[in-house]
């Protein structure tokens, strides 16, 4: 049971961490209420894991997820698309029953 990070997402996270001057820590992923489908994804840099976090690591990139969010994000793949119609970070979430058109919110 995990949250997978694709090679493209790892590369983009590293690029953004360098651009923002984030030397340690990693990316915090979570969910919050809101969006057109009821729940929305939340991303941001964090300096360290918090008590109770699930921590996933790939190629020196750490991903932090609180337990409440992990219930909804378990088995999700975090990807990044930079093509002409790319949407940036994308969550391929098998737990989502409905997803809005923009892909930024979902319901279970």
PDB file of N, CA and C in Angstrom:
ATOM      1  N   UNK A   1       0.844  -1.171   0.000  1.00  0.00           N
ATOM      2  CA  UNK A   1       0.000   0.000   0.000  1.00  0.00           C
ATOM      3  C   UNK A   1       0.891   1.236   0.000  1.00  0.00           C
ATOM      4  N   UNK A   2       0.644   2.108  -0.962  1.00  0.00           N
ATOM      5  CA  UNK A   2       1.537   3.256  -1.090  1.00  0.00           C
ATOM      6  C   UNK A   2       0.945   4.296  -2.019  1.00  0.00           C
ATOM      7  N   UNK A   3       1.654   5.400  -2.122  1.00  0.00           N
ATOM      8  CA  UNK A   3       1.420   6.401  -3.144  1.00  0.00           C
ATOM      9  C   UNK A   3       2.651   6.357  -4.033  1.00  0.00           C
ATOM     10  N   UNK A   4       2.444   6.109  -5.313  1.00  0.00           N
ATOM     11  CA  UNK A   4       3.554   5.991  -6.249  1.00  0.00           C
ATOM     12  C   UNK A   4       3.844   7.349  -6.872  1.00  0.00           C
ATOM     13  N   UNK A   5       5.118   7.608  -7.133  1.00  0.00           N
ATOM     14  CA  UNK A   5       5.545   8.848  -7.774  1.00  0.00           C
ATOM     15  C   UNK A   5       6.238   8.461  -9.078  1.00  0.00           C
ATOM     16  N   UNK A   6       5.762   8.961 -10.200  1.00  0.00           N
ATOM     17  CA  UNK A   6       6.368   8.624 -11.487  1.00  0.00           C
ATOM     18  C   UNK A   6       7.696   9.367 -11.674  1.00  0.00           C
ATOM     19  N   UNK A   7       8.467   8.909 -12.647  1.00  0.00           N
ATOM     20  CA  UNK A   7       9.738   9.563 -12.965  1.00  0.00           C
ATOM     21  C   UNK A   7       9.529  11.031 -13.317  1.00  0.00           C
ATOM     22  N   UNK A   8       8.490  11.319 -14.098  1.00  0.00           N
ATOM     23  CA  UNK A   8       8.220  12.715 -14.495  1.00  0.00           C
ATOM     24  C   UNK A   8       7.897  13.571 -13.278  1.00  0.00           C
ATOM     25  N   UNK A   9       7.135  13.023 -12.333  1.00  0.00           N
ATOM     26  CA  UNK A   9       6.792  13.773 -11.124  1.00  0.00           C
ATOM     27  C   UNK A   9       8.039  13.995 -10.266  1.00  0.00           C
ATOM     28  N   UNK A  10       8.886  12.979 -10.150  1.00  0.00           N
ATOM     29  CA  UNK A  10      10.130  13.121  -9.390  1.00  0.00           C
ATOM     30  C   UNK A  10      10.982  14.232  -9.976  1.00  0.00           C
ATOM     31  N   UNK A  11      11.138  14.235 -11.296  1.00  0.00           N
ATOM     32  CA  UNK A  11      11.947  15.265 -11.951  1.00  0.00           C
ATOM     33  C   UNK A  11      11.394  16.662 -11.698  1.00  0.00           C
ATOM     34  N   UNK A  12      10.072  16.814 -11.781  1.00  0.00           N
ATOM     35  CA  UNK A  12       9.463  18.129 -11.574  1.00  0.00           C
ATOM     36  C   UNK A  12       9.554  18.569 -10.115  1.00  0.00           C
ATOM     37  N   UNK A  13       9.368  17.647  -9.187  1.00  0.00           N
ATOM     38  CA  UNK A  13       9.492  17.985  -7.765  1.00  0.00           C
ATOM     39  C   UNK A  13      10.911  18.461  -7.471  1.00  0.00           C
ATOM     40  N   UNK A  14      11.900  17.753  -7.983  1.00  0.00           N
ATOM     41  CA  UNK A  14      13.299  18.164  -7.784  1.00  0.00           C
ATOM     42  C   UNK A  14      13.547  19.545  -8.376  1.00  0.00           C
ATOM     43  N   UNK A  15      13.022  19.783  -9.575  1.00  0.00           N
ATOM     44  CA  UNK A  15      13.207  21.078 -10.231  1.00  0.00           C
ATOM     45  C   UNK A  15      12.592  22.200  -9.396  1.00  0.00           C
ATOM     46  N   UNK A  16      11.369  21.969  -8.913  1.00  0.00           N
ATOM     47  CA  UNK A  16      10.686  22.985  -8.110  1.00  0.00           C
ATOM     48  C   UNK A  16      11.372  23.209  -6.766  1.00  0.00           C
ATOM     49  N   UNK A  17      11.862  22.127  -6.158  1.00  0.00           N
ATOM     50  CA  UNK A  17      12.563  22.274  -4.878  1.00  0.00           C
ATOM     51  C   UNK A  17      13.820  23.117  -5.059  1.00  0.00           C
ATOM     52  N   UNK A  18      14.538  22.883  -6.142  1.00  0.00           N
ATOM     53  CA  UNK A  18      15.734  23.670  -6.409  1.00  0.00           C
ATOM     54  C   UNK A  18      15.361  25.129  -6.685  1.00  0.00           C
ATOM     55  N   UNK A  19      14.323  25.353  -7.482  1.00  0.00           N
ATOM     56  CA  UNK A  19      13.876  26.708  -7.813  1.00  0.00           C
ATOM     57  C   UNK A  19      13.436  27.470  -6.568  1.00  0.00           C
ATOM     58  N   UNK A  20      12.734  26.779  -5.654  1.00  0.00           N
ATOM     59  CA  UNK A  20      12.224  27.420  -4.438  1.00  0.00           C
ATOM     60  C   UNK A  20      13.252  27.437  -3.300  1.00  0.00           C
ATOM     61  N   UNK A  21      14.408  26.806  -3.508  1.00  0.00           N
ATOM     62  CA  UNK A  21      15.438  26.775  -2.477  1.00  0.00           C
ATOM     63  C   UNK A  21      15.106  25.848  -1.322  1.00  0.00           C
ATOM     64  N   UNK A  22      14.330  24.806  -1.585  1.00  0.00           N
ATOM     65  CA  UNK A  22      13.982  23.829  -0.555  1.00  0.00           C
ATOM     66  C   UNK A  22      15.095  22.791  -0.531  1.00  0.00           C
ATOM     67  N   UNK A  23      15.919  22.815   0.532  1.00  0.00           N
ATOM     68  CA  UNK A  23      17.068  21.916   0.605  1.00  0.00           C
ATOM     69  C   UNK A  23      16.737  20.566   1.233  1.00  0.00           C
ATOM     70  N   UNK A  24      15.829  20.555   2.162  1.00  0.00           N
ATOM     71  CA  UNK A  24      15.510  19.316   2.868  1.00  0.00           C
ATOM     72  C   UNK A  24      14.004  19.145   2.897  1.00  0.00           C
ATOM     73  N   UNK A  25      13.573  18.046   3.403  1.00  0.00           N
ATOM     74  CA  UNK A  25      12.142  17.812   3.513  1.00  0.00           C
ATOM     75  C   UNK A  25      11.613  17.138   2.275  1.00  0.00           C
ATOM     76  N   UNK A  26      10.454  17.574   1.835  1.00  0.00           N
ATOM     77  CA  UNK A  26       9.842  16.955   0.684  1.00  0.00           C
ATOM     78  C   UNK A  26       8.523  17.600   0.347  1.00  0.00           C
ATOM     79  N   UNK A  27       7.719  16.857  -0.360  1.00  0.00           N
ATOM     80  CA  UNK A  27       6.427  17.343  -0.824  1.00  0.00           C
ATOM     81  C   UNK A  27       5.332  16.742   0.044  1.00  0.00           C
ATOM     82  N   UNK A  28       4.466  17.606   0.554  1.00  0.00           N
ATOM     83  CA  UNK A  28       3.316  17.147   1.323  1.00  0.00           C
ATOM     84  C   UNK A  28       2.125  17.076   0.382  1.00  0.00           C
ATOM     85  N   UNK A  29       1.478  15.911   0.384  1.00  0.00           N
ATOM     86  CA  UNK A  29       0.294  15.696  -0.431  1.00  0.00           C
ATOM     87  C   UNK A  29      -0.860  15.388   0.509  1.00  0.00           C
ATOM     88  N   UNK A  30      -2.021  15.911   0.189  1.00  0.00           N
ATOM     89  CA  UNK A  30      -3.179  15.668   1.040  1.00  0.00           C
ATOM     90  C   UNK A  30      -4.457  16.019   0.317  1.00  0.00           C
ATOM     91  N   UNK A  31      -5.539  15.894   1.047  1.00  0.00           N
ATOM     92  CA  UNK A  31      -6.835  16.283   0.510  1.00  0.00           C
ATOM     93  C   UNK A  31      -7.496  17.243   1.483  1.00  0.00           C
ATOM     94  N   UNK A  32      -8.395  18.035   0.957  1.00  0.00           N
ATOM     95  CA  UNK A  32      -9.191  18.928   1.789  1.00  0.00           C
ATOM     96  C   UNK A  32     -10.572  19.015   1.169  1.00  0.00           C
ATOM     97  N   UNK A  33     -11.528  19.390   1.963  1.00  0.00           N
ATOM     98  CA  UNK A  33     -12.880  19.564   1.461  1.00  0.00           C
ATOM     99  C   UNK A  33     -12.943  20.745   0.520  1.00  0.00           C
ATOM    100  N   UNK A  34     -13.690  20.592  -0.558  1.00  0.00           N
ATOM    101  CA  UNK A  34     -13.850  21.689  -1.500  1.00  0.00           C
ATOM    102  C   UNK A  34     -13.731  21.214  -2.928  1.00  0.00           C
ATOM    103  N   UNK A  35     -13.763  22.143  -3.834  1.00  0.00           N
ATOM    104  CA  UNK A  35     -13.725  21.807  -5.249  1.00  0.00           C
ATOM    105  C   UNK A  35     -15.103  21.433  -5.741  1.00  0.00           C
ATOM    106  N   UNK A  36     -15.235  21.294  -7.020  1.00  0.00           N
ATOM    107  CA  UNK A  36     -16.558  21.044  -7.591  1.00  0.00           C
ATOM    108  C   UNK A  36     -17.042  19.616  -7.365  1.00  0.00           C
ATOM    109  N   UNK A  37     -16.158  18.705  -6.940  1.00  0.00           N
ATOM    110  CA  UNK A  37     -16.587  17.326  -6.686  1.00  0.00           C
ATOM    111  C   UNK A  37     -16.617  16.965  -5.208  1.00  0.00           C
ATOM    112  N   UNK A  38     -16.224  17.877  -4.331  1.00  0.00           N
ATOM    113  CA  UNK A  38     -16.323  17.629  -2.892  1.00  0.00           C
ATOM    114  C   UNK A  38     -15.004  17.553  -2.150  1.00  0.00           C
ATOM    115  N   UNK A  39     -13.992  16.946  -2.754  1.00  0.00           N
ATOM    116  CA  UNK A  39     -12.665  16.857  -2.152  1.00  0.00           C
ATOM    117  C   UNK A  39     -11.649  17.343  -3.171  1.00  0.00           C
ATOM    118  N   UNK A  40     -10.635  18.071  -2.720  1.00  0.00           N
ATOM    119  CA  UNK A  40      -9.619  18.536  -3.649  1.00  0.00           C
ATOM    120  C   UNK A  40      -8.233  18.147  -3.148  1.00  0.00           C
ATOM    121  N   UNK A  41      -7.328  18.004  -4.095  1.00  0.00           N
ATOM    122  CA  UNK A  41      -5.952  17.636  -3.789  1.00  0.00           C
ATOM    123  C   UNK A  41      -5.182  18.866  -3.334  1.00  0.00           C
ATOM    124  N   UNK A  42      -4.227  18.629  -2.452  1.00  0.00           N
ATOM    125  CA  UNK A  42      -3.431  19.712  -1.903  1.00  0.00           C
ATOM    126  C   UNK A  42      -1.960  19.308  -1.968  1.00  0.00           C
ATOM    127  N   UNK A  43      -1.109  20.171  -2.513  1.00  0.00           N
ATOM    128  CA  UNK A  43       0.332  19.933  -2.605  1.00  0.00           C
ATOM    129  C   UNK A  43       1.079  21.124  -2.031  1.00  0.00           C
ATOM    130  N   UNK A  44       2.170  20.856  -1.353  1.00  0.00           N
ATOM    131  CA  UNK A  44       3.017  21.925  -0.852  1.00  0.00           C
ATOM    132  C   UNK A  44       4.283  21.357  -0.256  1.00  0.00           C
ATOM    133  N   UNK A  45       5.322  22.160  -0.199  1.00  0.00           N
ATOM    134  CA  UNK A  45       6.574  21.707   0.389  1.00  0.00           C
ATOM    135  C   UNK A  45       6.488  21.735   1.906  1.00  0.00           C
ATOM    136  N   UNK A  46       7.181  20.800   2.534  1.00  0.00           N
ATOM    137  CA  UNK A  46       7.250  20.744   3.992  1.00  0.00           C
ATOM    138  C   UNK A  46       8.670  20.371   4.377  1.00  0.00           C
ATOM    139  N   UNK A  47       9.106  20.838   5.530  1.00  0.00           N
ATOM    140  CA  UNK A  47      10.484  20.603   5.947  1.00  0.00           C
ATOM    141  C   UNK A  47      10.712  19.201   6.493  1.00  0.00           C
ATOM    142  N   UNK A  48       9.665  18.599   7.064  1.00  0.00           N
ATOM    143  CA  UNK A  48       9.835  17.259   7.642  1.00  0.00           C
ATOM    144  C   UNK A  48       8.483  16.582   7.811  1.00  0.00           C
ATOM    145  N   UNK A  49       8.548  15.283   8.044  1.00  0.00           N
ATOM    146  CA  UNK A  49       7.334  14.516   8.300  1.00  0.00           C
ATOM    147  C   UNK A  49       6.760  14.914   9.654  1.00  0.00           C
ATOM    148  N   UNK A  50       5.450  14.843   9.750  1.00  0.00           N
ATOM    149  CA  UNK A  50       4.762  15.091  11.016  1.00  0.00           C
ATOM    150  C   UNK A  50       4.431  13.758  11.671  1.00  0.00           C
ATOM    151  N   UNK A  51       4.137  13.808  12.921  1.00  0.00           N
ATOM    152  CA  UNK A  51       3.796  12.593  13.665  1.00  0.00           C
ATOM    153  C   UNK A  51       2.603  11.901  12.990  1.00  0.00           C
ATOM    154  N   UNK A  52       2.755  10.619  12.715  1.00  0.00           N
ATOM    155  CA  UNK A  52       1.692   9.841  12.115  1.00  0.00           C
ATOM    156  C   UNK A  52       1.679   9.843  10.592  1.00  0.00           C
ATOM    157  N   UNK A  53       2.535  10.648   9.963  1.00  0.00           N
ATOM    158  CA  UNK A  53       2.565  10.698   8.499  1.00  0.00           C
ATOM    159  C   UNK A  53       3.012   9.375   7.900  1.00  0.00           C
ATOM    160  N   UNK A  54       2.490   9.081   6.730  1.00  0.00           N
ATOM    161  CA  UNK A  54       3.047   8.051   5.867  1.00  0.00           C
ATOM    162  C   UNK A  54       4.102   8.766   5.034  1.00  0.00           C
ATOM    163  N   UNK A  55       5.264   8.154   4.887  1.00  0.00           N
ATOM    164  CA  UNK A  55       6.348   8.763   4.127  1.00  0.00           C
ATOM    165  C   UNK A  55       6.752   7.800   3.017  1.00  0.00           C
ATOM    166  N   UNK A  56       6.793   8.321   1.801  1.00  0.00           N
ATOM    167  CA  UNK A  56       7.189   7.538   0.633  1.00  0.00           C
ATOM    168  C   UNK A  56       8.380   8.233  -0.002  1.00  0.00           C
ATOM    169  N   UNK A  57       9.319   7.448  -0.506  1.00  0.00           N
ATOM    170  CA  UNK A  57      10.522   8.045  -1.081  1.00  0.00           C
ATOM    171  C   UNK A  57      10.867   7.352  -2.388  1.00  0.00           C
ATOM    172  N   UNK A  58      11.300   8.195  -3.332  1.00  0.00           N
ATOM    173  CA  UNK A  58      11.775   7.683  -4.612  1.00  0.00           C
ATOM    174  C   UNK A  58      12.825   8.637  -5.150  1.00  0.00           C
ATOM    175  N   UNK A  59      13.975   8.117  -5.478  1.00  0.00           N
ATOM    176  CA  UNK A  59      15.067   8.910  -6.062  1.00  0.00           C
ATOM    177  C   UNK A  59      15.329  10.192  -5.277  1.00  0.00           C
ATOM    178  N   UNK A  60      15.451  10.068  -3.976  1.00  0.00           N
ATOM    179  CA  UNK A  60      15.755  11.198  -3.075  1.00  0.00           C
ATOM    180  C   UNK A  60      14.636  12.229  -2.967  1.00  0.00           C
ATOM    181  N   UNK A  61      13.442  11.878  -3.399  1.00  0.00           N
ATOM    182  CA  UNK A  61      12.279  12.748  -3.217  1.00  0.00           C
ATOM    183  C   UNK A  61      11.374  12.080  -2.194  1.00  0.00           C
ATOM    184  N   UNK A  62      11.070  12.811  -1.133  1.00  0.00           N
ATOM    185  CA  UNK A  62      10.169  12.283  -0.106  1.00  0.00           C
ATOM    186  C   UNK A  62       8.784  12.907  -0.263  1.00  0.00           C
ATOM    187  N   UNK A  63       7.787  12.073  -0.040  1.00  0.00           N
ATOM    188  CA  UNK A  63       6.387  12.478  -0.113  1.00  0.00           C
ATOM    189  C   UNK A  63       5.780  12.215   1.255  1.00  0.00           C
ATOM    190  N   UNK A  64       5.196  13.240   1.867  1.00  0.00           N
ATOM    191  CA  UNK A  64       4.553  13.125   3.167  1.00  0.00           C
ATOM    192  C   UNK A  64       3.039  13.137   2.988  1.00  0.00           C
ATOM    193  N   UNK A  65       2.347  12.269   3.713  1.00  0.00           N
ATOM    194  CA  UNK A  65       0.886  12.219   3.626  1.00  0.00           C
ATOM    195  C   UNK A  65       0.318  11.922   5.015  1.00  0.00           C
ATOM    196  N   UNK A  66      -0.594  12.761   5.483  1.00  0.00           N
ATOM    197  CA  UNK A  66      -1.230  12.509   6.774  1.00  0.00           C
ATOM    198  C   UNK A  66      -2.181  11.318   6.640  1.00  0.00           C
ATOM    199  N   UNK A  67      -2.464  10.673   7.765  1.00  0.00           N
ATOM    200  CA  UNK A  67      -3.258   9.441   7.740  1.00  0.00           C
ATOM    201  C   UNK A  67      -4.668   9.637   7.209  1.00  0.00           C
ATOM    202  N   UNK A  68      -5.293  10.757   7.522  1.00  0.00           N
ATOM    203  CA  UNK A  68      -6.653  11.003   7.043  1.00  0.00           C
ATOM    204  C   UNK A  68      -6.676  11.095   5.513  1.00  0.00           C
ATOM    205  N   UNK A  69      -5.719  11.813   4.943  1.00  0.00           N
ATOM    206  CA  UNK A  69      -5.641  11.918   3.487  1.00  0.00           C
ATOM    207  C   UNK A  69      -5.274  10.582   2.857  1.00  0.00           C
ATOM    208  N   UNK A  70      -4.431   9.826   3.538  1.00  0.00           N
ATOM    209  CA  UNK A  70      -3.972   8.549   2.991  1.00  0.00           C
ATOM    210  C   UNK A  70      -5.132   7.579   2.755  1.00  0.00           C
ATOM    211  N   UNK A  71      -6.167   7.677   3.561  1.00  0.00           N
ATOM    212  CA  UNK A  71      -7.344   6.822   3.363  1.00  0.00           C
ATOM    213  C   UNK A  71      -7.895   7.005   1.947  1.00  0.00           C
ATOM    214  N   UNK A  72      -7.855   8.227   1.438  1.00  0.00           N
ATOM    215  CA  UNK A  72      -8.381   8.534   0.116  1.00  0.00           C
ATOM    216  C   UNK A  72      -7.322   8.414  -0.991  1.00  0.00           C
ATOM    217  N   UNK A  73      -6.041   8.451  -0.607  1.00  0.00           N
ATOM    218  CA  UNK A  73      -4.971   8.484  -1.604  1.00  0.00           C
ATOM    219  C   UNK A  73      -4.204   7.171  -1.745  1.00  0.00           C
ATOM    220  N   UNK A  74      -4.524   6.178  -0.929  1.00  0.00           N
ATOM    221  CA  UNK A  74      -3.833   4.899  -1.011  1.00  0.00           C
ATOM    222  C   UNK A  74      -3.940   4.332  -2.431  1.00  0.00           C
ATOM    223  N   UNK A  75      -2.832   3.872  -2.968  1.00  0.00           N
ATOM    224  CA  UNK A  75      -2.712   3.313  -4.322  1.00  0.00           C
ATOM    225  C   UNK A  75      -2.799   4.361  -5.431  1.00  0.00           C
ATOM    226  N   UNK A  76      -2.718   5.629  -5.088  1.00  0.00           N
ATOM    227  CA  UNK A  76      -2.728   6.704  -6.076  1.00  0.00           C
ATOM    228  C   UNK A  76      -1.342   6.830  -6.714  1.00  0.00           C
ATOM    229  N   UNK A  77      -1.324   7.239  -7.968  1.00  0.00           N
ATOM    230  CA  UNK A  77      -0.082   7.536  -8.675  1.00  0.00           C
ATOM    231  C   UNK A  77      -0.029   9.041  -8.892  1.00  0.00           C
ATOM    232  N   UNK A  78       1.057   9.672  -8.442  1.00  0.00           N
ATOM    233  CA  UNK A  78       1.281  11.093  -8.680  1.00  0.00           C
ATOM    234  C   UNK A  78       2.149  11.216  -9.929  1.00  0.00           C
ATOM    235  N   UNK A  79       1.621  11.865 -10.954  1.00  0.00           N
ATOM    236  CA  UNK A  79       2.311  12.013 -12.224  1.00  0.00           C
ATOM    237  C   UNK A  79       2.435  13.497 -12.543  1.00  0.00           C
ATOM    238  N   UNK A  80       3.210  13.813 -13.557  1.00  0.00           N
ATOM    239  CA  UNK A  80       3.342  15.187 -14.029  1.00  0.00           C
ATOM    240  C   UNK A  80       3.300  15.169 -15.546  1.00  0.00           C
ATOM    241  N   UNK A  81       2.497  16.058 -16.120  1.00  0.00           N
ATOM    242  CA  UNK A  81       2.370  16.154 -17.569  1.00  0.00           C
ATOM    243  C   UNK A  81       2.683  17.582 -17.990  1.00  0.00           C
ATOM    244  N   UNK A  82       3.678  17.731 -18.847  1.00  0.00           N
ATOM    245  CA  UNK A  82       4.080  19.075 -19.282  1.00  0.00           C
ATOM    246  C   UNK A  82       3.828  19.302 -20.765  1.00  0.00           C
ATOM    247  N   UNK A  83       3.048  18.447 -21.395  1.00  0.00           N
ATOM    248  CA  UNK A  83       2.780  18.583 -22.828  1.00  0.00           C
ATOM    249  C   UNK A  83       1.940  19.813 -23.135  1.00  0.00           C
ATOM    250  N   UNK A  84       1.605  19.973 -24.397  1.00  0.00           N
ATOM    251  CA  UNK A  84       0.822  21.135 -24.839  1.00  0.00           C
ATOM    252  C   UNK A  84      -0.489  21.260 -24.078  1.00  0.00           C
ATOM    253  N   UNK A  85      -1.126  20.154 -23.800  1.00  0.00           N
ATOM    254  CA  UNK A  85      -2.380  20.169 -23.054  1.00  0.00           C
ATOM    255  C   UNK A  85      -2.164  19.709 -21.619  1.00  0.00           C
ATOM    256  N   UNK A  86      -0.902  19.716 -21.184  1.00  0.00           N
ATOM    257  CA  UNK A  86      -0.543  19.240 -19.856  1.00  0.00           C
ATOM    258  C   UNK A  86      -1.241  20.017 -18.760  1.00  0.00           C
ATOM    259  N   UNK A  87      -1.547  19.326 -17.692  1.00  0.00           N
ATOM    260  CA  UNK A  87      -2.239  19.936 -16.568  1.00  0.00           C
ATOM    261  C   UNK A  87      -1.332  20.062 -15.348  1.00  0.00           C
ATOM    262  N   UNK A  88      -0.037  19.793 -15.488  1.00  0.00           N
ATOM    263  CA  UNK A  88       0.856  19.832 -14.340  1.00  0.00           C
ATOM    264  C   UNK A  88       0.775  18.521 -13.583  1.00  0.00           C
ATOM    265  N   UNK A  89       0.761  18.596 -12.256  1.00  0.00           N
ATOM    266  CA  UNK A  89       0.671  17.378 -11.451  1.00  0.00           C
ATOM    267  C   UNK A  89      -0.720  16.772 -11.600  1.00  0.00           C
ATOM    268  N   UNK A  90      -0.739  15.468 -11.753  1.00  0.00           N
ATOM    269  CA  UNK A  90      -1.991  14.744 -11.909  1.00  0.00           C
ATOM    270  C   UNK A  90      -2.037  13.602 -10.913  1.00  0.00           C
ATOM    271  N   UNK A  91      -3.192  13.405 -10.321  1.00  0.00           N
ATOM    272  CA  UNK A  91      -3.424  12.303  -9.397  1.00  0.00           C
ATOM    273  C   UNK A  91      -4.237  11.240 -10.116  1.00  0.00           C
ATOM    274  N   UNK A  92      -3.658  10.075 -10.279  1.00  0.00           N
ATOM    275  CA  UNK A  92      -4.361   8.934 -10.858  1.00  0.00           C
ATOM    276  C   UNK A  92      -4.832   8.106  -9.670  1.00  0.00           C
ATOM    277  N   UNK A  93      -6.046   8.420  -9.226  1.00  0.00           N
ATOM    278  CA  UNK A  93      -6.566   7.912  -7.964  1.00  0.00           C
ATOM    279  C   UNK A  93      -7.638   6.852  -8.203  1.00  0.00           C
ATOM    280  N   UNK A  94      -7.335   5.579  -7.910  1.00  0.00           N
ATOM    281  CA  UNK A  94      -8.321   4.524  -8.123  1.00  0.00           C
ATOM    282  C   UNK A  94      -9.483   4.576  -7.132  1.00  0.00           C
ATOM    283  N   UNK A  95      -9.364   5.373  -6.084  1.00  0.00           N
ATOM    284  CA  UNK A  95     -10.414   5.493  -5.076  1.00  0.00           C
ATOM    285  C   UNK A  95     -11.478   6.515  -5.458  1.00  0.00           C
ATOM    286  N   UNK A  96     -11.173   7.359  -6.436  1.00  0.00           N
ATOM    287  CA  UNK A  96     -12.104   8.409  -6.850  1.00  0.00           C
ATOM    288  C   UNK A  96     -13.232   7.808  -7.678  1.00  0.00           C
ATOM    289  N   UNK A  97     -14.452   8.041  -7.261  1.00  0.00           N
ATOM    290  CA  UNK A  97     -15.619   7.565  -8.021  1.00  0.00           C
ATOM    291  C   UNK A  97     -16.008   8.566  -9.102  1.00  0.00           C
ATOM    292  N   UNK A  98     -15.870   9.838  -8.790  1.00  0.00           N
ATOM    293  CA  UNK A  98     -16.146  10.912  -9.752  1.00  0.00           C
ATOM    294  C   UNK A  98     -15.009  11.916  -9.679  1.00  0.00           C
ATOM    295  N   UNK A  99     -14.639  12.457 -10.828  1.00  0.00           N
ATOM    296  CA  UNK A  99     -13.589  13.462 -10.906  1.00  0.00           C
ATOM    297  C   UNK A  99     -14.113  14.622 -11.734  1.00  0.00           C
ATOM    298  N   UNK A 100     -13.788  15.835 -11.319  1.00  0.00           N
ATOM    299  CA  UNK A 100     -14.229  16.991 -12.096  1.00  0.00           C
ATOM    300  C   UNK A 100     -13.429  17.078 -13.388  1.00  0.00           C
ATOM    301  N   UNK A 101     -13.872  17.899 -14.295  1.00  0.00           N
ATOM    302  CA  UNK A 101     -13.219  18.050 -15.590  1.00  0.00           C
ATOM    303  C   UNK A 101     -11.785  18.519 -15.512  1.00  0.00           C
ATOM    304  N   UNK A 102     -11.453  19.340 -14.537  1.00  0.00           N
ATOM    305  CA  UNK A 102     -10.093  19.854 -14.424  1.00  0.00           C
ATOM    306  C   UNK A 102      -9.169  18.858 -13.734  1.00  0.00           C
ATOM    307  N   UNK A 103      -9.731  17.836 -13.085  1.00  0.00           N
ATOM    308  CA  UNK A 103      -8.916  16.825 -12.427  1.00  0.00           C
ATOM    309  C   UNK A 103      -8.379  17.228 -11.070  1.00  0.00           C
ATOM    310  N   UNK A 104      -8.821  18.369 -10.558  1.00  0.00           N
ATOM    311  CA  UNK A 104      -8.298  18.853  -9.286  1.00  0.00           C
ATOM    312  C   UNK A 104      -9.166  18.495  -8.097  1.00  0.00           C
ATOM    313  N   UNK A 105     -10.350  17.945  -8.354  1.00  0.00           N
ATOM    314  CA  UNK A 105     -11.197  17.515  -7.233  1.00  0.00           C
ATOM    315  C   UNK A 105     -11.876  16.203  -7.597  1.00  0.00           C
ATOM    316  N   UNK A 106     -12.361  15.543  -6.554  1.00  0.00           N
ATOM    317  CA  UNK A 106     -12.950  14.215  -6.739  1.00  0.00           C
ATOM    318  C   UNK A 106     -13.934  13.918  -5.626  1.00  0.00           C
ATOM    319  N   UNK A 107     -14.665  12.841  -5.789  1.00  0.00           N
ATOM    320  CA  UNK A 107     -15.546  12.339  -4.723  1.00  0.00           C
ATOM    321  C   UNK A 107     -15.367  10.835  -4.639  1.00  0.00           C
ATOM    322  N   UNK A 108     -15.714  10.298  -3.466  1.00  0.00           N
ATOM    323  CA  UNK A 108     -15.606   8.848  -3.257  1.00  0.00           C
ATOM    324  C   UNK A 108     -16.953   8.241  -3.004  1.00  0.00           C
TER     325      UNK A 108
END
